[in-house]
Amino acid sequence: MKKNSLTKNNALKTVPLDRLIDQHVGKKGSARRNQFENELRLDLLGESIRSVRKAKNMTQSELGDLIGVQKAQISKLENSIKSARLETIMNVFDALGVRVNFTVDM
């Protein structure tokens, strides 16, 4: 049986994540890169809602009842927050009893 080993010709190469994103998405400041980074941030916000809700042993229906929306709206917030109103997002975090900080860079 042949043992796997790395040689000089097939050694793994470490590449910084920023360089990969630059190559495959676009350079910082480009429209495509800005869209990518904004969507990534929104995905993280949705994941935060989900993780806090689960940590509080709350269902999507229960959270929806607290803020006056249907379960489907909570699901959309957790999975694709692109079209949510800021007021709804703030109501969700308020109902979950967590504080949210936003930073605006100019």
N, C-alpha and C. Protein backbone atom coordinates (compact mmCIF):
# COMPACT_ATOMS: atom_id res chain seq x y z
N MET A 1 0.84 -1.16 0.00
CA MET A 1 0.00 0.00 0.00
C MET A 1 0.89 1.24 0.00
N LYS A 2 0.56 2.19 -0.88
CA LYS A 2 1.36 3.39 -1.00
C LYS A 2 0.92 4.42 0.05
N LYS A 3 1.86 5.00 0.71
CA LYS A 3 1.59 5.99 1.74
C LYS A 3 1.47 7.38 1.10
N ASN A 4 0.42 8.14 1.51
CA ASN A 4 0.25 9.49 1.00
C ASN A 4 1.32 10.40 1.59
N SER A 5 1.94 11.17 0.75
CA SER A 5 2.90 12.15 1.23
C SER A 5 2.91 13.33 0.28
N LEU A 6 3.28 14.47 0.79
CA LEU A 6 3.37 15.66 -0.04
C LEU A 6 4.80 15.82 -0.51
N THR A 7 4.93 16.13 -1.75
CA THR A 7 6.25 16.42 -2.30
C THR A 7 6.28 17.90 -2.68
N LYS A 8 7.42 18.35 -3.14
CA LYS A 8 7.53 19.74 -3.55
C LYS A 8 6.53 20.08 -4.66
N ASN A 9 6.23 19.13 -5.52
CA ASN A 9 5.36 19.39 -6.66
C ASN A 9 3.87 19.44 -6.30
N ASN A 10 3.47 18.76 -5.24
CA ASN A 10 2.03 18.74 -4.92
C ASN A 10 1.74 19.22 -3.50
N ALA A 11 2.63 20.06 -2.96
CA ALA A 11 2.44 20.59 -1.61
C ALA A 11 1.25 21.54 -1.59
N LEU A 12 0.53 21.51 -0.49
CA LEU A 12 -0.58 22.43 -0.32
C LEU A 12 -0.04 23.84 -0.11
N LYS A 13 -0.74 24.78 -0.66
CA LYS A 13 -0.30 26.16 -0.57
C LYS A 13 -1.34 26.95 0.22
N THR A 14 -0.89 27.75 1.16
CA THR A 14 -1.79 28.59 1.94
C THR A 14 -1.95 29.93 1.22
N VAL A 15 -3.22 30.31 1.03
CA VAL A 15 -3.52 31.56 0.35
C VAL A 15 -4.43 32.38 1.26
N PRO A 16 -4.12 33.65 1.48
CA PRO A 16 -4.98 34.48 2.32
C PRO A 16 -6.40 34.57 1.76
N LEU A 17 -7.39 34.57 2.65
CA LEU A 17 -8.78 34.64 2.24
C LEU A 17 -9.07 35.89 1.43
N ASP A 18 -8.50 37.03 1.83
CA ASP A 18 -8.72 38.27 1.09
C ASP A 18 -8.28 38.15 -0.37
N ARG A 19 -7.18 37.46 -0.60
CA ARG A 19 -6.70 37.29 -1.97
C ARG A 19 -7.67 36.44 -2.78
N LEU A 20 -8.19 35.38 -2.18
CA LEU A 20 -9.17 34.54 -2.88
C LEU A 20 -10.44 35.33 -3.20
N ILE A 21 -10.90 36.11 -2.24
CA ILE A 21 -12.10 36.91 -2.48
C ILE A 21 -11.83 37.95 -3.55
N ASP A 22 -10.66 38.58 -3.52
CA ASP A 22 -10.29 39.55 -4.57
C ASP A 22 -10.36 38.89 -5.95
N GLN A 23 -9.83 37.68 -6.05
CA GLN A 23 -9.76 36.98 -7.34
C GLN A 23 -11.13 36.51 -7.82
N HIS A 24 -11.95 36.02 -6.89
CA HIS A 24 -13.20 35.38 -7.30
C HIS A 24 -14.45 36.26 -7.17
N VAL A 25 -14.36 37.31 -6.37
CA VAL A 25 -15.53 38.18 -6.17
C VAL A 25 -15.24 39.58 -6.72
N GLY A 26 -14.07 40.09 -6.44
CA GLY A 26 -13.71 41.43 -6.90
C GLY A 26 -12.91 42.16 -5.83
N LYS A 27 -12.23 43.18 -6.24
CA LYS A 27 -11.41 43.98 -5.32
C LYS A 27 -12.30 44.79 -4.39
N LYS A 28 -11.75 45.12 -3.19
CA LYS A 28 -12.48 45.96 -2.23
C LYS A 28 -12.88 47.27 -2.92
N GLY A 29 -14.12 47.67 -2.68
CA GLY A 29 -14.63 48.89 -3.28
C GLY A 29 -15.39 48.68 -4.57
N SER A 30 -15.22 47.51 -5.20
CA SER A 30 -15.97 47.25 -6.43
C SER A 30 -17.43 46.96 -6.07
N ALA A 31 -18.33 47.20 -7.00
CA ALA A 31 -19.76 46.99 -6.75
C ALA A 31 -20.05 45.54 -6.36
N ARG A 32 -19.43 44.61 -7.06
CA ARG A 32 -19.66 43.18 -6.77
C ARG A 32 -19.15 42.80 -5.38
N ARG A 33 -18.00 43.33 -5.00
CA ARG A 33 -17.42 43.04 -3.68
C ARG A 33 -18.28 43.64 -2.58
N ASN A 34 -18.76 44.87 -2.78
CA ASN A 34 -19.62 45.51 -1.79
C ASN A 34 -20.91 44.72 -1.60
N GLN A 35 -21.49 44.26 -2.69
CA GLN A 35 -22.72 43.45 -2.60
C GLN A 35 -22.43 42.16 -1.83
N PHE A 36 -21.33 41.50 -2.14
CA PHE A 36 -20.94 40.26 -1.47
C PHE A 36 -20.79 40.49 0.03
N GLU A 37 -20.08 41.54 0.43
CA GLU A 37 -19.84 41.80 1.84
C GLU A 37 -21.13 42.19 2.57
N ASN A 38 -22.00 42.95 1.92
CA ASN A 38 -23.28 43.31 2.54
C ASN A 38 -24.16 42.08 2.74
N GLU A 39 -24.21 41.19 1.75
CA GLU A 39 -24.99 39.96 1.88
C GLU A 39 -24.43 39.08 2.97
N LEU A 40 -23.12 39.02 3.10
CA LEU A 40 -22.48 38.23 4.14
C LEU A 40 -22.86 38.76 5.52
N ARG A 41 -22.84 40.07 5.68
CA ARG A 41 -23.22 40.67 6.96
C ARG A 41 -24.67 40.38 7.29
N LEU A 42 -25.53 40.45 6.28
CA LEU A 42 -26.95 40.18 6.50
C LEU A 42 -27.17 38.72 6.87
N ASP A 43 -26.42 37.82 6.25
CA ASP A 43 -26.52 36.41 6.61
C ASP A 43 -26.12 36.20 8.07
N LEU A 44 -25.09 36.90 8.51
CA LEU A 44 -24.65 36.78 9.90
C LEU A 44 -25.71 37.31 10.85
N LEU A 45 -26.42 38.36 10.45
CA LEU A 45 -27.49 38.91 11.27
C LEU A 45 -28.61 37.89 11.41
N GLY A 46 -29.00 37.26 10.30
CA GLY A 46 -30.02 36.22 10.34
C GLY A 46 -29.62 35.04 11.21
N GLU A 47 -28.36 34.65 11.12
CA GLU A 47 -27.85 33.55 11.94
C GLU A 47 -27.85 33.94 13.41
N SER A 48 -27.58 35.21 13.70
CA SER A 48 -27.63 35.68 15.09
C SER A 48 -29.04 35.56 15.65
N ILE A 49 -30.02 35.94 14.85
CA ILE A 49 -31.41 35.82 15.29
C ILE A 49 -31.73 34.37 15.62
N ARG A 50 -31.35 33.47 14.72
CA ARG A 50 -31.63 32.04 14.91
C ARG A 50 -30.95 31.50 16.16
N SER A 51 -29.68 31.83 16.35
CA SER A 51 -28.95 31.25 17.48
C SER A 51 -29.47 31.78 18.82
N VAL A 52 -29.82 33.06 18.89
CA VAL A 52 -30.36 33.61 20.13
C VAL A 52 -31.73 33.00 20.41
N ARG A 53 -32.56 32.90 19.38
CA ARG A 53 -33.89 32.30 19.55
C ARG A 53 -33.78 30.88 20.08
N LYS A 54 -32.90 30.09 19.50
CA LYS A 54 -32.73 28.70 19.93
C LYS A 54 -32.15 28.63 21.35
N ALA A 55 -31.23 29.54 21.67
CA ALA A 55 -30.64 29.55 23.02
C ALA A 55 -31.70 29.85 24.07
N LYS A 56 -32.73 30.56 23.67
CA LYS A 56 -33.83 30.88 24.59
C LYS A 56 -34.96 29.86 24.50
N ASN A 57 -34.69 28.74 23.80
CA ASN A 57 -35.66 27.65 23.63
C ASN A 57 -37.01 28.16 23.12
N MET A 58 -36.93 29.02 22.11
CA MET A 58 -38.13 29.63 21.55
C MET A 58 -38.32 29.16 20.11
N THR A 59 -39.56 28.88 19.73
CA THR A 59 -39.84 28.50 18.35
C THR A 59 -40.01 29.77 17.51
N GLN A 60 -39.97 29.59 16.21
CA GLN A 60 -40.21 30.72 15.31
C GLN A 60 -41.62 31.26 15.52
N SER A 61 -42.58 30.38 15.74
CA SER A 61 -43.97 30.80 15.98
C SER A 61 -44.08 31.64 17.25
N GLU A 62 -43.41 31.21 18.30
CA GLU A 62 -43.44 31.96 19.57
C GLU A 62 -42.83 33.35 19.40
N LEU A 63 -41.71 33.43 18.71
CA LEU A 63 -41.07 34.72 18.47
C LEU A 63 -41.97 35.60 17.62
N GLY A 64 -42.56 35.02 16.59
CA GLY A 64 -43.47 35.77 15.74
C GLY A 64 -44.65 36.33 16.52
N ASP A 65 -45.20 35.52 17.43
CA ASP A 65 -46.32 35.97 18.26
C ASP A 65 -45.92 37.17 19.12
N LEU A 66 -44.69 37.16 19.63
CA LEU A 66 -44.22 38.26 20.48
C LEU A 66 -44.16 39.60 19.75
N ILE A 67 -43.85 39.56 18.46
CA ILE A 67 -43.71 40.82 17.73
C ILE A 67 -44.83 41.05 16.71
N GLY A 68 -45.79 40.14 16.66
CA GLY A 68 -46.95 40.34 15.79
C GLY A 68 -46.74 40.00 14.32
N VAL A 69 -45.89 39.00 14.06
CA VAL A 69 -45.71 38.53 12.68
C VAL A 69 -45.87 37.02 12.64
N GLN A 70 -46.04 36.49 11.45
CA GLN A 70 -46.19 35.04 11.31
C GLN A 70 -44.84 34.34 11.35
N LYS A 71 -44.90 33.04 11.61
CA LYS A 71 -43.70 32.19 11.66
C LYS A 71 -42.89 32.33 10.37
N ALA A 72 -43.58 32.43 9.23
CA ALA A 72 -42.89 32.53 7.94
C ALA A 72 -41.98 33.76 7.88
N GLN A 73 -42.42 34.85 8.50
CA GLN A 73 -41.60 36.06 8.51
C GLN A 73 -40.32 35.85 9.33
N ILE A 74 -40.44 35.15 10.45
CA ILE A 74 -39.25 34.85 11.26
C ILE A 74 -38.30 33.95 10.47
N SER A 75 -38.85 32.98 9.78
CA SER A 75 -38.03 32.09 8.96
C SER A 75 -37.28 32.88 7.89
N LYS A 76 -37.97 33.82 7.25
CA LYS A 76 -37.32 34.65 6.23
C LYS A 76 -36.20 35.49 6.84
N LEU A 77 -36.45 36.03 8.03
CA LEU A 77 -35.41 36.81 8.70
C LEU A 77 -34.17 35.97 8.98
N GLU A 78 -34.39 34.75 9.43
CA GLU A 78 -33.26 33.89 9.77
C GLU A 78 -32.52 33.37 8.55
N ASN A 79 -33.22 33.23 7.43
CA ASN A 79 -32.61 32.61 6.26
C ASN A 79 -32.21 33.58 5.15
N SER A 80 -32.91 34.68 5.04
CA SER A 80 -32.61 35.64 3.97
C SER A 80 -33.14 37.00 4.38
N ILE A 81 -32.33 37.73 5.09
CA ILE A 81 -32.79 38.96 5.72
C ILE A 81 -32.76 40.16 4.77
N LYS A 82 -32.58 39.94 3.50
CA LYS A 82 -32.38 41.01 2.53
C LYS A 82 -33.54 41.99 2.42
N SER A 83 -34.75 41.54 2.69
CA SER A 83 -35.90 42.42 2.46
C SER A 83 -36.61 42.84 3.75
N ALA A 84 -36.00 42.65 4.88
CA ALA A 84 -36.64 42.98 6.16
C ALA A 84 -36.53 44.46 6.46
N ARG A 85 -37.53 44.97 7.15
CA ARG A 85 -37.49 46.35 7.63
C ARG A 85 -36.65 46.40 8.90
N LEU A 86 -35.92 47.49 9.06
CA LEU A 86 -35.08 47.66 10.25
C LEU A 86 -35.93 47.59 11.51
N GLU A 87 -37.12 48.16 11.47
CA GLU A 87 -38.01 48.14 12.63
C GLU A 87 -38.33 46.70 13.05
N THR A 88 -38.58 45.83 12.07
CA THR A 88 -38.87 44.43 12.38
C THR A 88 -37.67 43.75 13.01
N ILE A 89 -36.49 43.99 12.46
CA ILE A 89 -35.27 43.39 12.99
C ILE A 89 -35.05 43.85 14.44
N MET A 90 -35.25 45.13 14.69
CA MET A 90 -35.07 45.65 16.04
C MET A 90 -36.12 45.07 16.99
N ASN A 91 -37.35 44.90 16.52
CA ASN A 91 -38.40 44.28 17.34
C ASN A 91 -38.04 42.85 17.70
N VAL A 92 -37.45 42.12 16.76
CA VAL A 92 -37.04 40.74 17.02
C VAL A 92 -35.99 40.71 18.13
N PHE A 93 -34.95 41.52 18.00
CA PHE A 93 -33.91 41.51 19.02
C PHE A 93 -34.43 41.99 20.37
N ASP A 94 -35.34 42.96 20.34
CA ASP A 94 -35.96 43.42 21.58
C ASP A 94 -36.75 42.29 22.24
N ALA A 95 -37.53 41.55 21.44
CA ALA A 95 -38.32 40.43 21.98
C ALA A 95 -37.41 39.34 22.52
N LEU A 96 -36.23 39.19 21.93
CA LEU A 96 -35.28 38.19 22.40
C LEU A 96 -34.50 38.67 23.61
N GLY A 97 -34.63 39.96 23.93
CA GLY A 97 -33.95 40.50 25.09
C GLY A 97 -32.47 40.71 24.90
N VAL A 98 -32.07 41.01 23.67
CA VAL A 98 -30.65 41.26 23.41
C VAL A 98 -30.46 42.67 22.87
N ARG A 99 -29.29 43.19 23.10
CA ARG A 99 -28.93 44.53 22.65
C ARG A 99 -28.21 44.43 21.33
N VAL A 100 -28.50 45.33 20.42
CA VAL A 100 -27.87 45.34 19.10
C VAL A 100 -27.15 46.66 18.91
N ASN A 101 -25.93 46.61 18.40
CA ASN A 101 -25.16 47.80 18.07
C ASN A 101 -24.90 47.83 16.58
N PHE A 102 -25.14 48.96 15.95
CA PHE A 102 -24.83 49.13 14.54
C PHE A 102 -23.72 50.15 14.41
N THR A 103 -22.82 49.91 13.48
CA THR A 103 -21.76 50.84 13.21
C THR A 103 -21.89 51.32 11.77
N VAL A 104 -21.82 52.61 11.57
CA VAL A 104 -21.86 53.16 10.23
C VAL A 104 -20.48 53.76 9.95
N ASP A 105 -19.80 53.23 8.94
CA ASP A 105 -18.48 53.73 8.56
C ASP A 105 -18.62 54.63 7.35
N MET A 106 -17.98 55.77 7.41
CA MET A 106 -18.03 56.70 6.27
C MET A 106 -16.64 57.07 5.84
